[in-house]
Amino acid sequence: MKQIANQIREIFTPYYSAPLEVWEVFAKKLKTATFEKNEKVKFPNTIEKKLYIINKGSAGIFLWGEVHPICVDLCFENDFFGDYMSLLTQKPTPLYTICFEKTEMFYITFSDLADLYENSEFGSRIGRIAAESLFIHKQAQQIELLNKTAEQRYRQLLEKEPHVVRRVPLKYIASYLGINAESLSRIRKKVAR
C-alpha cells in the first residue's frame, strides 16, 4: 500500500503537496487493473464507472468517425485516463478507450470517488485537482490544434513522449494530430533529417 501511496503522491506533487499518510487513505480506495494490447477499456455508448491513472503503458480515447476512428487523446504513464465526461455525468457517451500496449492502471470507482468527495476535505481537493488537470490538458490541446501546425504538434509530442512511434500505431498518431497517415509520413521524414 505504501508503494502505491508513494507513486500517487509523486503524480500529484506538482499540483498538491500532502504527507504520505494522506495519500495512503487515497491509495486504500485504489485498485489495479492490467489490460492487454488492443484491449478496449470502455466501449462506445456505455457509462464510465472508473477514473484511471496509467502506471505503465499507453492508451487512447477515441470517437468513431464516418469511416474510421478519431483519436481524441493519447495517454501515457502518470496521466489520468478514461471518459471523464461520462464519469462525471454518469451518462453514456460515444467515446471509447483502448490500450496500445500491455497497460497497468490504478483506478478508483465512481462510488469510491464520490465517497471521498463527501467525507473528506482531502478527497474534495483530489477531485478538484484531477478535474483541473484534465481541463487544462484539454484546453492546451485545443489551443495547439488551432494555433500550431501538424509538424509543430508532432515535434511537441516527441518532446513529451520520445518513444511514441514505438508505442502507438502511426494511424492513431496521425488521427490525434488531425492529419492523414501520408502527411504524418512526410512530417516524420522531415523531422528525422
C-alpha atoms as a PDB file:
ATOM      1  CA  MET A   1       0.000   0.000   0.000  1.00  0.00           C
ATOM      2  CA  LYS A   2       2.836   2.371   0.882  1.00  0.00           C
ATOM      3  CA  GLN A   3       4.398   1.890  -2.574  1.00  0.00           C
ATOM      4  CA  ILE A   4       1.142   2.806  -4.330  1.00  0.00           C
ATOM      5  CA  ALA A   5       0.695   5.791  -1.997  1.00  0.00           C
ATOM      6  CA  ASN A   6       4.212   6.960  -2.884  1.00  0.00           C
ATOM      7  CA  GLN A   7       3.529   6.612  -6.615  1.00  0.00           C
ATOM      8  CA  ILE A   8       0.268   8.541  -6.345  1.00  0.00           C
ATOM      9  CA  ARG A   9       1.957  11.229  -4.262  1.00  0.00           C
ATOM     10  CA  GLU A  10       4.613  11.616  -6.991  1.00  0.00           C
ATOM     11  CA  ILE A  11       1.917  12.034  -9.643  1.00  0.00           C
ATOM     12  CA  PHE A  12       0.084  14.697  -7.637  1.00  0.00           C
ATOM     13  CA  THR A  13       3.135  16.522  -6.218  1.00  0.00           C
ATOM     14  CA  PRO A  14       3.197  19.183  -8.962  1.00  0.00           C
ATOM     15  CA  TYR A  15      -0.393  20.075  -8.015  1.00  0.00           C
ATOM     16  CA  TYR A  16      -0.705  19.339  -4.319  1.00  0.00           C
ATOM     17  CA  SER A  17       1.701  18.501  -1.521  1.00  0.00           C
ATOM     18  CA  ALA A  18       0.495  16.340   1.356  1.00  0.00           C
ATOM     19  CA  PRO A  19       2.076  13.914   3.820  1.00  0.00           C
ATOM     20  CA  LEU A  20       2.289  10.246   2.863  1.00  0.00           C
ATOM     21  CA  GLU A  21      -0.415   9.326   5.397  1.00  0.00           C
ATOM     22  CA  VAL A  22      -2.938  11.364   3.414  1.00  0.00           C
ATOM     23  CA  TRP A  23      -2.023   9.533   0.206  1.00  0.00           C
ATOM     24  CA  GLU A  24      -2.350   6.202   2.000  1.00  0.00           C
ATOM     25  CA  VAL A  25      -6.037   6.986   2.632  1.00  0.00           C
ATOM     26  CA  PHE A  26      -6.483   7.614  -1.100  1.00  0.00           C
ATOM     27  CA  ALA A  27      -4.426   4.535  -2.044  1.00  0.00           C
ATOM     28  CA  LYS A  28      -6.743   2.315   0.037  1.00  0.00           C
ATOM     29  CA  LYS A  29      -9.538   3.182  -2.392  1.00  0.00           C
ATOM     30  CA  LEU A  30      -7.411   2.399  -5.456  1.00  0.00           C
ATOM     31  CA  LYS A  31      -7.317  -0.910  -7.250  1.00  0.00           C
ATOM     32  CA  THR A  32      -5.078  -2.047 -10.089  1.00  0.00           C
ATOM     33  CA  ALA A  33      -6.024  -3.485 -13.436  1.00  0.00           C
ATOM     34  CA  THR A  34      -3.933  -4.738 -16.324  1.00  0.00           C
ATOM     35  CA  PHE A  35      -5.153  -4.552 -19.907  1.00  0.00           C
ATOM     36  CA  GLU A  36      -3.656  -6.267 -22.932  1.00  0.00           C
ATOM     37  CA  LYS A  37      -2.567  -4.620 -26.165  1.00  0.00           C
ATOM     38  CA  ASN A  38      -5.613  -3.519 -28.221  1.00  0.00           C
ATOM     39  CA  GLU A  39      -7.987  -4.270 -25.352  1.00  0.00           C
ATOM     40  CA  LYS A  40     -10.917  -1.898 -25.005  1.00  0.00           C
ATOM     41  CA  VAL A  41     -11.337  -0.489 -21.525  1.00  0.00           C
ATOM     42  CA  LYS A  42     -14.623   1.315 -22.216  1.00  0.00           C
ATOM     43  CA  PHE A  43     -16.957   0.656 -25.120  1.00  0.00           C
ATOM     44  CA  PRO A  44     -18.889   3.344 -27.039  1.00  0.00           C
ATOM     45  CA  ASN A  45     -22.290   4.365 -25.698  1.00  0.00           C
ATOM     46  CA  THR A  46     -21.598   2.975 -22.239  1.00  0.00           C
ATOM     47  CA  ILE A  47     -21.134   4.715 -18.892  1.00  0.00           C
ATOM     48  CA  GLU A  48     -17.652   5.211 -17.436  1.00  0.00           C
ATOM     49  CA  LYS A  49     -17.548   3.790 -13.916  1.00  0.00           C
ATOM     50  CA  LYS A  50     -13.866   4.353 -13.070  1.00  0.00           C
ATOM     51  CA  LEU A  51     -11.212   7.055 -13.152  1.00  0.00           C
ATOM     52  CA  TYR A  52      -7.875   5.587 -14.193  1.00  0.00           C
ATOM     53  CA  ILE A  53      -4.283   6.682 -13.735  1.00  0.00           C
ATOM     54  CA  ILE A  54      -1.812   4.951 -16.036  1.00  0.00           C
ATOM     55  CA  ASN A  55       1.045   3.373 -14.119  1.00  0.00           C
ATOM     56  CA  LYS A  56       2.762   1.629 -17.058  1.00  0.00           C
ATOM     57  CA  GLY A  57       1.737   1.605 -20.689  1.00  0.00           C
ATOM     58  CA  SER A  58      -0.182   3.744 -23.139  1.00  0.00           C
ATOM     59  CA  ALA A  59      -3.777   4.130 -24.222  1.00  0.00           C
ATOM     60  CA  GLY A  60      -6.075   6.330 -26.260  1.00  0.00           C
ATOM     61  CA  ILE A  61      -9.518   7.875 -26.195  1.00  0.00           C
ATOM     62  CA  PHE A  62     -11.499   7.578 -29.432  1.00  0.00           C
ATOM     63  CA  LEU A  63     -14.649   8.642 -31.203  1.00  0.00           C
ATOM     64  CA  TRP A  64     -15.878   6.695 -34.212  1.00  0.00           C
ATOM     65  CA  GLY A  65     -15.857   8.972 -37.271  1.00  0.00           C
ATOM     66  CA  GLU A  66     -17.681   8.441 -40.553  1.00  0.00           C
ATOM     67  CA  VAL A  67     -15.201   5.858 -41.828  1.00  0.00           C
ATOM     68  CA  HIS A  68     -12.523   5.435 -39.176  1.00  0.00           C
ATOM     69  CA  PRO A  69     -11.805   6.121 -35.508  1.00  0.00           C
ATOM     70  CA  ILE A  70     -10.762   9.613 -34.467  1.00  0.00           C
ATOM     71  CA  CYS A  71      -8.138   9.729 -31.737  1.00  0.00           C
ATOM     72  CA  VAL A  72      -9.232  12.343 -29.206  1.00  0.00           C
ATOM     73  CA  ASP A  73      -6.321  11.859 -26.806  1.00  0.00           C
ATOM     74  CA  LEU A  74      -3.157   9.866 -26.187  1.00  0.00           C
ATOM     75  CA  CYS A  75      -2.326   8.922 -22.605  1.00  0.00           C
ATOM     76  CA  PHE A  76       0.884   7.655 -21.047  1.00  0.00           C
ATOM     77  CA  GLU A  77       2.416   6.991 -17.634  1.00  0.00           C
ATOM     78  CA  ASN A  78       1.032   9.172 -14.821  1.00  0.00           C
ATOM     79  CA  ASP A  79      -1.799  10.509 -17.000  1.00  0.00           C
ATOM     80  CA  PHE A  80      -5.430  10.411 -15.946  1.00  0.00           C
ATOM     81  CA  PHE A  81      -7.314   8.197 -18.373  1.00  0.00           C
ATOM     82  CA  GLY A  82     -10.918   7.482 -19.212  1.00  0.00           C
ATOM     83  CA  ASP A  83     -14.107   9.074 -20.435  1.00  0.00           C
ATOM     84  CA  TYR A  84     -14.230  11.814 -17.832  1.00  0.00           C
ATOM     85  CA  MET A  85     -17.419  13.409 -19.167  1.00  0.00           C
ATOM     86  CA  SER A  86     -19.273  10.108 -18.827  1.00  0.00           C
ATOM     87  CA  LEU A  87     -17.773   9.552 -15.372  1.00  0.00           C
ATOM     88  CA  LEU A  88     -18.972  12.940 -14.119  1.00  0.00           C
ATOM     89  CA  THR A  89     -22.434  12.807 -15.687  1.00  0.00           C
ATOM     90  CA  GLN A  90     -22.898   9.043 -15.296  1.00  0.00           C
ATOM     91  CA  LYS A  91     -24.375   9.047 -18.798  1.00  0.00           C
ATOM     92  CA  PRO A  92     -23.198   7.156 -21.881  1.00  0.00           C
ATOM     93  CA  THR A  93     -21.065   8.906 -24.490  1.00  0.00           C
ATOM     94  CA  PRO A  94     -19.877   7.773 -27.925  1.00  0.00           C
ATOM     95  CA  LEU A  95     -16.263   7.738 -26.695  1.00  0.00           C
ATOM     96  CA  TYR A  96     -14.363   4.516 -26.232  1.00  0.00           C
ATOM     97  CA  THR A  97     -10.938   3.795 -24.773  1.00  0.00           C
ATOM     98  CA  ILE A  98      -8.304   1.289 -25.823  1.00  0.00           C
ATOM     99  CA  CYS A  99      -4.791   0.265 -24.752  1.00  0.00           C
ATOM    100  CA  PHE A 100      -1.973   0.424 -27.295  1.00  0.00           C
ATOM    101  CA  GLU A 101       0.261  -1.960 -25.354  1.00  0.00           C
ATOM    102  CA  LYS A 102       0.000  -4.026 -22.203  1.00  0.00           C
ATOM    103  CA  THR A 103      -1.024  -1.366 -19.693  1.00  0.00           C
ATOM    104  CA  GLU A 104      -1.221  -1.333 -15.915  1.00  0.00           C
ATOM    105  CA  MET A 105      -3.515   1.229 -14.329  1.00  0.00           C
ATOM    106  CA  PHE A 106      -4.661   2.329 -10.929  1.00  0.00           C
ATOM    107  CA  TYR A 107      -8.346   3.113 -10.743  1.00  0.00           C
ATOM    108  CA  ILE A 108     -10.948   4.381  -8.356  1.00  0.00           C
ATOM    109  CA  THR A 109     -14.616   3.610  -8.857  1.00  0.00           C
ATOM    110  CA  PHE A 110     -17.133   6.393  -9.246  1.00  0.00           C
ATOM    111  CA  SER A 111     -18.818   5.435  -5.959  1.00  0.00           C
ATOM    112  CA  ASP A 112     -15.499   5.423  -4.039  1.00  0.00           C
ATOM    113  CA  LEU A 113     -14.579   8.761  -5.594  1.00  0.00           C
ATOM    114  CA  ALA A 114     -17.959  10.215  -4.600  1.00  0.00           C
ATOM    115  CA  ASP A 115     -17.443   8.856  -1.076  1.00  0.00           C
ATOM    116  CA  LEU A 116     -14.027  10.547  -0.861  1.00  0.00           C
ATOM    117  CA  TYR A 117     -15.527  13.826  -2.108  1.00  0.00           C
ATOM    118  CA  GLU A 118     -18.269  13.772   0.501  1.00  0.00           C
ATOM    119  CA  ASN A 119     -16.346  12.517   3.501  1.00  0.00           C
ATOM    120  CA  SER A 120     -13.003  14.276   3.402  1.00  0.00           C
ATOM    121  CA  GLU A 121     -11.574  17.649   2.561  1.00  0.00           C
ATOM    122  CA  PHE A 122      -8.630  15.796   1.051  1.00  0.00           C
ATOM    123  CA  GLY A 123     -10.954  13.837  -1.255  1.00  0.00           C
ATOM    124  CA  SER A 124     -12.595  17.022  -2.488  1.00  0.00           C
ATOM    125  CA  ARG A 125      -9.194  18.546  -3.141  1.00  0.00           C
ATOM    126  CA  ILE A 126      -8.036  15.460  -5.081  1.00  0.00           C
ATOM    127  CA  GLY A 127     -11.190  15.604  -7.187  1.00  0.00           C
ATOM    128  CA  ARG A 128     -10.690  19.273  -7.891  1.00  0.00           C
ATOM    129  CA  ILE A 129      -7.048  18.700  -8.836  1.00  0.00           C
ATOM    130  CA  ALA A 130      -7.976  15.866 -11.206  1.00  0.00           C
ATOM    131  CA  ALA A 131     -10.707  17.970 -12.828  1.00  0.00           C
ATOM    132  CA  GLU A 132      -8.431  20.992 -13.183  1.00  0.00           C
ATOM    133  CA  SER A 133      -5.620  18.880 -14.615  1.00  0.00           C
ATOM    134  CA  LEU A 134      -7.911  17.290 -17.192  1.00  0.00           C
ATOM    135  CA  PHE A 135      -9.432  20.659 -18.112  1.00  0.00           C
ATOM    136  CA  ILE A 136      -6.033  22.329 -18.527  1.00  0.00           C
ATOM    137  CA  HIS A 137      -4.798  19.426 -20.656  1.00  0.00           C
ATOM    138  CA  LYS A 138      -7.853  19.620 -22.930  1.00  0.00           C
ATOM    139  CA  GLN A 139      -7.711  23.415 -23.227  1.00  0.00           C
ATOM    140  CA  ALA A 140      -3.996  23.303 -24.123  1.00  0.00           C
ATOM    141  CA  GLN A 141      -4.719  20.576 -26.670  1.00  0.00           C
ATOM    142  CA  GLN A 142      -7.450  22.690 -28.308  1.00  0.00           C
ATOM    143  CA  ILE A 143      -5.210  25.758 -28.452  1.00  0.00           C
ATOM    144  CA  GLU A 144      -2.396  23.720 -30.013  1.00  0.00           C
ATOM    145  CA  LEU A 145      -4.753  22.230 -32.584  1.00  0.00           C
ATOM    146  CA  LEU A 146      -5.916  25.697 -33.620  1.00  0.00           C
ATOM    147  CA  ASN A 147      -2.602  27.508 -33.252  1.00  0.00           C
ATOM    148  CA  LYS A 148       0.154  25.128 -34.339  1.00  0.00           C
ATOM    149  CA  THR A 149       0.959  23.213 -37.482  1.00  0.00           C
ATOM    150  CA  ALA A 150       0.823  19.433 -37.515  1.00  0.00           C
ATOM    151  CA  GLU A 151       4.629  19.387 -37.635  1.00  0.00           C
ATOM    152  CA  GLN A 152       4.863  21.596 -34.544  1.00  0.00           C
ATOM    153  CA  ARG A 153       2.371  19.380 -32.706  1.00  0.00           C
ATOM    154  CA  TYR A 154       4.293  16.256 -33.744  1.00  0.00           C
ATOM    155  CA  ARG A 155       7.586  17.718 -32.502  1.00  0.00           C
ATOM    156  CA  GLN A 156       5.910  18.661 -29.226  1.00  0.00           C
ATOM    157  CA  LEU A 157       4.503  15.138 -28.870  1.00  0.00           C
ATOM    158  CA  LEU A 158       8.005  13.711 -29.432  1.00  0.00           C
ATOM    159  CA  GLU A 159       9.403  16.004 -26.739  1.00  0.00           C
ATOM    160  CA  LYS A 160       6.803  14.833 -24.241  1.00  0.00           C
ATOM    161  CA  GLU A 161       6.880  11.180 -25.267  1.00  0.00           C
ATOM    162  CA  PRO A 162      10.076  10.395 -27.266  1.00  0.00           C
ATOM    163  CA  HIS A 163       9.130   6.743 -27.873  1.00  0.00           C
ATOM    164  CA  VAL A 164       5.582   7.449 -29.039  1.00  0.00           C
ATOM    165  CA  VAL A 165       6.173   5.978 -32.516  1.00  0.00           C
ATOM    166  CA  ARG A 166       7.161   2.645 -30.948  1.00  0.00           C
ATOM    167  CA  ARG A 167       4.245   2.640 -28.535  1.00  0.00           C
ATOM    168  CA  VAL A 168       1.301   3.976 -30.540  1.00  0.00           C
ATOM    169  CA  PRO A 169       0.209   2.894 -34.041  1.00  0.00           C
ATOM    170  CA  LEU A 170       1.055   5.608 -36.590  1.00  0.00           C
ATOM    171  CA  LYS A 171      -2.544   5.808 -37.816  1.00  0.00           C
ATOM    172  CA  TYR A 172      -3.606   6.881 -34.311  1.00  0.00           C
ATOM    173  CA  ILE A 173      -0.793   9.426 -34.009  1.00  0.00           C
ATOM    174  CA  ALA A 174      -1.897  10.889 -37.357  1.00  0.00           C
ATOM    175  CA  SER A 175      -5.518  10.988 -36.212  1.00  0.00           C
ATOM    176  CA  TYR A 176      -4.534  12.636 -32.926  1.00  0.00           C
ATOM    177  CA  LEU A 177      -2.636  15.309 -34.887  1.00  0.00           C
ATOM    178  CA  GLY A 178      -5.646  15.818 -37.161  1.00  0.00           C
ATOM    179  CA  ILE A 179      -3.866  14.663 -40.333  1.00  0.00           C
ATOM    180  CA  ASN A 180      -3.790  11.584 -42.556  1.00  0.00           C
ATOM    181  CA  ALA A 181      -1.115   8.879 -42.454  1.00  0.00           C
ATOM    182  CA  GLU A 182       0.609  10.151 -45.614  1.00  0.00           C
ATOM    183  CA  SER A 183       1.051  13.634 -44.136  1.00  0.00           C
ATOM    184  CA  LEU A 184       2.465  12.118 -40.954  1.00  0.00           C
ATOM    185  CA  SER A 185       4.928  10.104 -43.039  1.00  0.00           C
ATOM    186  CA  ARG A 186       6.171  13.316 -44.724  1.00  0.00           C
ATOM    187  CA  ILE A 187       6.471  15.083 -41.366  1.00  0.00           C
ATOM    188  CA  ARG A 188       8.375  12.154 -39.855  1.00  0.00           C
ATOM    189  CA  LYS A 189      10.851  12.170 -42.762  1.00  0.00           C
ATOM    190  CA  LYS A 190      11.360  15.920 -42.392  1.00  0.00           C
ATOM    191  CA  VAL A 191      11.843  15.701 -38.616  1.00  0.00           C
ATOM    192  CA  ALA A 192      14.276  12.764 -38.971  1.00  0.00           C
ATOM    193  CA  ARG A 193      16.663  14.795 -41.174  1.00  0.00           C
END
